[in-house]
Amino acid sequence: MYKLKYYSLTKDEQYDLKEEFSNTEFGQNINKRLTRLIILGIMGLIFSIYLFMSHSNIWEILTACILLIFSLIFLIAPHYIKINKLNNYLIKHKKK
């Protein structure tokens, strides 16, 4: 198992790494996809709150709970995915 080298960097180095990664074509594609995940998470969160408020039967409440869980995953996961991609980029492109 490899270490997360990203966390061993200072804040300035982390900022520079994010800028360098987002200037690559792969980084731009990842940022678009992660933004899309965050937007879907927000939409799911809003819709699940609406279903909780209009609770007409048990199935809507169950659907709202499941949607709420997946929406929270969609809101939290992009952070971990981005850290993983930044760490892989840092390992592959070592500065000498």
N, C-alpha and C. Protein backbone atom coordinates (compact mmCIF):
# COMPACT_ATOMS: atom_id res chain seq x y z
N MET A 1 0.84 -1.18 0.00
CA MET A 1 0.00 0.00 0.00
C MET A 1 0.88 1.24 0.00
N TYR A 2 0.57 2.18 -0.83
CA TYR A 2 1.38 3.39 -0.93
C TYR A 2 0.85 4.46 0.01
N LYS A 3 1.72 5.35 0.38
CA LYS A 3 1.34 6.44 1.28
C LYS A 3 0.67 7.55 0.50
N LEU A 4 -0.13 8.30 1.20
CA LEU A 4 -0.73 9.48 0.59
C LEU A 4 0.27 10.63 0.71
N LYS A 5 0.99 10.85 -0.34
CA LYS A 5 2.01 11.90 -0.33
C LYS A 5 1.38 13.29 -0.36
N TYR A 6 0.14 13.36 -0.78
CA TYR A 6 -0.54 14.65 -0.87
C TYR A 6 -0.65 15.30 0.50
N TYR A 7 -0.93 14.52 1.54
CA TYR A 7 -1.10 15.07 2.87
C TYR A 7 0.22 15.51 3.50
N SER A 8 1.33 15.04 2.98
CA SER A 8 2.62 15.45 3.53
C SER A 8 3.10 16.79 2.97
N LEU A 9 2.41 17.32 1.98
CA LEU A 9 2.78 18.61 1.39
C LEU A 9 2.27 19.77 2.24
N THR A 10 2.92 20.91 2.10
CA THR A 10 2.41 22.11 2.76
C THR A 10 1.21 22.64 1.98
N LYS A 11 0.52 23.62 2.56
CA LYS A 11 -0.66 24.16 1.90
C LYS A 11 -0.33 24.83 0.58
N ASP A 12 0.80 25.51 0.54
CA ASP A 12 1.21 26.16 -0.71
C ASP A 12 1.53 25.13 -1.79
N GLU A 13 2.21 24.06 -1.39
CA GLU A 13 2.53 22.99 -2.35
C GLU A 13 1.26 22.28 -2.83
N GLN A 14 0.30 22.09 -1.92
CA GLN A 14 -0.96 21.48 -2.32
C GLN A 14 -1.70 22.36 -3.31
N TYR A 15 -1.70 23.67 -3.06
CA TYR A 15 -2.35 24.61 -3.98
C TYR A 15 -1.67 24.58 -5.35
N ASP A 16 -0.34 24.58 -5.36
CA ASP A 16 0.39 24.54 -6.63
C ASP A 16 0.12 23.24 -7.37
N LEU A 17 0.05 22.12 -6.63
CA LEU A 17 -0.24 20.83 -7.26
C LEU A 17 -1.63 20.82 -7.87
N LYS A 18 -2.61 21.40 -7.16
CA LYS A 18 -3.97 21.46 -7.70
C LYS A 18 -4.02 22.29 -8.98
N GLU A 19 -3.31 23.40 -8.98
CA GLU A 19 -3.27 24.25 -10.17
C GLU A 19 -2.59 23.53 -11.33
N GLU A 20 -1.49 22.87 -11.05
CA GLU A 20 -0.76 22.15 -12.10
C GLU A 20 -1.61 20.99 -12.65
N PHE A 21 -2.31 20.29 -11.75
CA PHE A 21 -3.15 19.17 -12.17
C PHE A 21 -4.35 19.66 -12.97
N SER A 22 -4.94 20.77 -12.57
CA SER A 22 -6.13 21.26 -13.28
C SER A 22 -5.78 21.86 -14.64
N ASN A 23 -4.51 22.15 -14.89
CA ASN A 23 -4.10 22.65 -16.20
C ASN A 23 -3.91 21.54 -17.21
N THR A 24 -3.84 20.29 -16.76
CA THR A 24 -3.72 19.17 -17.70
C THR A 24 -5.09 18.83 -18.26
N GLU A 25 -5.11 18.14 -19.39
CA GLU A 25 -6.38 17.75 -20.01
C GLU A 25 -7.13 16.75 -19.13
N PHE A 26 -6.38 15.80 -18.56
CA PHE A 26 -7.00 14.80 -17.68
C PHE A 26 -7.60 15.47 -16.44
N GLY A 27 -6.90 16.46 -15.89
CA GLY A 27 -7.40 17.18 -14.72
C GLY A 27 -8.66 17.96 -15.01
N GLN A 28 -8.73 18.56 -16.20
CA GLN A 28 -9.94 19.29 -16.57
C GLN A 28 -11.13 18.35 -16.71
N ASN A 29 -10.89 17.17 -17.30
CA ASN A 29 -11.98 16.19 -17.44
C ASN A 29 -12.44 15.69 -16.08
N ILE A 30 -11.50 15.43 -15.18
CA ILE A 30 -11.87 14.96 -13.84
C ILE A 30 -12.66 16.03 -13.10
N ASN A 31 -12.24 17.28 -13.21
CA ASN A 31 -12.96 18.36 -12.53
C ASN A 31 -14.38 18.51 -13.05
N LYS A 32 -14.58 18.35 -14.36
CA LYS A 32 -15.94 18.41 -14.93
C LYS A 32 -16.79 17.28 -14.38
N ARG A 33 -16.24 16.08 -14.33
CA ARG A 33 -17.00 14.92 -13.85
C ARG A 33 -17.33 15.06 -12.36
N LEU A 34 -16.38 15.55 -11.58
CA LEU A 34 -16.63 15.71 -10.15
C LEU A 34 -17.64 16.82 -9.89
N THR A 35 -17.62 17.87 -10.69
CA THR A 35 -18.63 18.92 -10.57
C THR A 35 -20.01 18.37 -10.90
N ARG A 36 -20.08 17.52 -11.91
CA ARG A 36 -21.34 16.88 -12.26
C ARG A 36 -21.87 16.02 -11.11
N LEU A 37 -20.97 15.29 -10.44
CA LEU A 37 -21.39 14.49 -9.29
C LEU A 37 -21.93 15.36 -8.16
N ILE A 38 -21.29 16.49 -7.92
CA ILE A 38 -21.74 17.38 -6.86
C ILE A 38 -23.11 17.97 -7.21
N ILE A 39 -23.31 18.34 -8.45
CA ILE A 39 -24.62 18.88 -8.87
C ILE A 39 -25.71 17.82 -8.72
N LEU A 40 -25.42 16.59 -9.12
CA LEU A 40 -26.40 15.51 -8.94
C LEU A 40 -26.69 15.27 -7.46
N GLY A 41 -25.67 15.36 -6.62
CA GLY A 41 -25.87 15.19 -5.19
C GLY A 41 -26.77 16.26 -4.61
N ILE A 42 -26.57 17.50 -5.04
CA ILE A 42 -27.40 18.60 -4.54
C ILE A 42 -28.84 18.44 -5.01
N MET A 43 -29.01 18.06 -6.27
CA MET A 43 -30.37 17.86 -6.79
C MET A 43 -31.07 16.71 -6.06
N GLY A 44 -30.35 15.64 -5.81
CA GLY A 44 -30.93 14.51 -5.07
C GLY A 44 -31.26 14.88 -3.65
N LEU A 45 -30.42 15.69 -3.03
CA LEU A 45 -30.67 16.14 -1.66
C LEU A 45 -31.94 16.99 -1.60
N ILE A 46 -32.09 17.90 -2.54
CA ILE A 46 -33.28 18.76 -2.57
C ILE A 46 -34.54 17.92 -2.80
N PHE A 47 -34.45 16.97 -3.74
CA PHE A 47 -35.62 16.15 -4.03
C PHE A 47 -35.96 15.23 -2.86
N SER A 48 -34.96 14.71 -2.16
CA SER A 48 -35.25 13.85 -1.01
C SER A 48 -35.88 14.66 0.13
N ILE A 49 -35.47 15.90 0.31
CA ILE A 49 -36.11 16.75 1.33
C ILE A 49 -37.55 17.03 0.94
N TYR A 50 -37.78 17.25 -0.35
CA TYR A 50 -39.16 17.44 -0.82
C TYR A 50 -40.01 16.20 -0.55
N LEU A 51 -39.45 15.01 -0.80
CA LEU A 51 -40.20 13.78 -0.53
C LEU A 51 -40.47 13.58 0.96
N PHE A 52 -39.53 13.98 1.81
CA PHE A 52 -39.77 13.90 3.25
C PHE A 52 -40.90 14.82 3.67
N MET A 53 -40.97 16.00 3.08
CA MET A 53 -41.98 16.97 3.47
C MET A 53 -43.37 16.59 2.96
N SER A 54 -43.42 15.87 1.84
CA SER A 54 -44.73 15.50 1.28
C SER A 54 -45.10 14.06 1.60
N HIS A 55 -44.54 13.52 2.65
CA HIS A 55 -44.69 12.10 3.01
C HIS A 55 -46.15 11.64 3.01
N SER A 56 -46.60 11.11 1.88
CA SER A 56 -47.98 10.62 1.81
C SER A 56 -48.07 9.14 2.16
N ASN A 57 -47.01 8.39 1.91
CA ASN A 57 -47.03 6.98 2.30
C ASN A 57 -45.62 6.53 2.67
N ILE A 58 -45.53 5.28 3.15
CA ILE A 58 -44.26 4.76 3.64
C ILE A 58 -43.23 4.58 2.52
N TRP A 59 -43.69 4.31 1.31
CA TRP A 59 -42.75 4.09 0.21
C TRP A 59 -42.03 5.36 -0.22
N GLU A 60 -42.73 6.48 -0.12
CA GLU A 60 -42.06 7.74 -0.41
C GLU A 60 -41.01 8.07 0.64
N ILE A 61 -41.29 7.76 1.88
CA ILE A 61 -40.31 7.99 2.94
C ILE A 61 -39.11 7.08 2.75
N LEU A 62 -39.35 5.83 2.40
CA LEU A 62 -38.26 4.89 2.14
C LEU A 62 -37.42 5.33 0.94
N THR A 63 -38.09 5.77 -0.11
CA THR A 63 -37.39 6.28 -1.29
C THR A 63 -36.57 7.52 -0.94
N ALA A 64 -37.14 8.39 -0.12
CA ALA A 64 -36.43 9.60 0.29
C ALA A 64 -35.20 9.27 1.12
N CYS A 65 -35.29 8.26 1.99
CA CYS A 65 -34.13 7.85 2.80
C CYS A 65 -33.02 7.31 1.92
N ILE A 66 -33.38 6.45 0.98
CA ILE A 66 -32.38 5.87 0.08
C ILE A 66 -31.75 6.97 -0.78
N LEU A 67 -32.57 7.86 -1.31
CA LEU A 67 -32.06 8.96 -2.13
C LEU A 67 -31.17 9.90 -1.31
N LEU A 68 -31.52 10.12 -0.06
CA LEU A 68 -30.71 10.96 0.82
C LEU A 68 -29.33 10.34 1.05
N ILE A 69 -29.29 9.04 1.27
CA ILE A 69 -28.02 8.35 1.49
C ILE A 69 -27.13 8.46 0.25
N PHE A 70 -27.69 8.18 -0.93
CA PHE A 70 -26.91 8.25 -2.15
C PHE A 70 -26.50 9.69 -2.48
N SER A 71 -27.35 10.65 -2.17
CA SER A 71 -27.00 12.06 -2.41
C SER A 71 -25.84 12.49 -1.53
N LEU A 72 -25.84 12.05 -0.29
CA LEU A 72 -24.72 12.38 0.59
C LEU A 72 -23.43 11.73 0.11
N ILE A 73 -23.53 10.52 -0.40
CA ILE A 73 -22.34 9.86 -0.97
C ILE A 73 -21.85 10.64 -2.18
N PHE A 74 -22.77 11.12 -3.01
CA PHE A 74 -22.38 11.89 -4.19
C PHE A 74 -21.77 13.24 -3.81
N LEU A 75 -22.10 13.76 -2.64
CA LEU A 75 -21.53 15.02 -2.21
C LEU A 75 -20.17 14.84 -1.54
N ILE A 76 -19.94 13.70 -0.91
CA ILE A 76 -18.70 13.47 -0.17
C ILE A 76 -17.63 12.82 -1.03
N ALA A 77 -18.01 11.91 -1.91
CA ALA A 77 -17.05 11.13 -2.69
C ALA A 77 -16.13 11.95 -3.60
N PRO A 78 -16.58 13.02 -4.23
CA PRO A 78 -15.65 13.77 -5.10
C PRO A 78 -14.39 14.27 -4.40
N HIS A 79 -14.50 14.59 -3.13
CA HIS A 79 -13.32 15.04 -2.39
C HIS A 79 -12.28 13.92 -2.33
N TYR A 80 -12.70 12.72 -1.98
CA TYR A 80 -11.77 11.60 -1.86
C TYR A 80 -11.23 11.17 -3.22
N ILE A 81 -12.06 11.25 -4.24
CA ILE A 81 -11.61 10.90 -5.59
C ILE A 81 -10.54 11.90 -6.06
N LYS A 82 -10.78 13.18 -5.79
CA LYS A 82 -9.81 14.19 -6.21
C LYS A 82 -8.48 14.03 -5.47
N ILE A 83 -8.53 13.74 -4.18
CA ILE A 83 -7.30 13.51 -3.42
C ILE A 83 -6.55 12.31 -3.98
N ASN A 84 -7.27 11.25 -4.33
CA ASN A 84 -6.64 10.06 -4.90
C ASN A 84 -5.99 10.37 -6.24
N LYS A 85 -6.67 11.12 -7.10
CA LYS A 85 -6.11 11.48 -8.40
C LYS A 85 -4.91 12.41 -8.26
N LEU A 86 -4.98 13.36 -7.32
CA LEU A 86 -3.84 14.25 -7.09
C LEU A 86 -2.64 13.48 -6.57
N ASN A 87 -2.89 12.50 -5.71
CA ASN A 87 -1.81 11.68 -5.18
C ASN A 87 -1.17 10.85 -6.29
N ASN A 88 -1.98 10.27 -7.15
CA ASN A 88 -1.44 9.50 -8.28
C ASN A 88 -0.64 10.40 -9.21
N TYR A 89 -1.11 11.60 -9.45
CA TYR A 89 -0.39 12.56 -10.30
C TYR A 89 0.94 12.94 -9.66
N LEU A 90 0.93 13.13 -8.35
CA LEU A 90 2.14 13.50 -7.64
C LEU A 90 3.17 12.38 -7.68
N ILE A 91 2.73 11.14 -7.56
CA ILE A 91 3.64 10.00 -7.60
C ILE A 91 4.24 9.83 -9.00
N LYS A 92 3.42 9.99 -10.04
CA LYS A 92 3.89 9.80 -11.41
C LYS A 92 4.78 10.94 -11.90
N HIS A 93 4.53 12.14 -11.45
CA HIS A 93 5.26 13.32 -11.91
C HIS A 93 6.09 13.91 -10.78
N LYS A 94 7.06 13.17 -10.32
CA LYS A 94 7.92 13.64 -9.25
C LYS A 94 8.80 14.77 -9.74
N LYS A 95 8.90 15.78 -8.91
CA LYS A 95 9.80 16.90 -9.25
C LYS A 95 11.18 16.57 -8.71
N LYS A 96 12.20 16.88 -9.51
CA LYS A 96 13.56 16.57 -9.10
C LYS A 96 14.28 17.79 -8.62
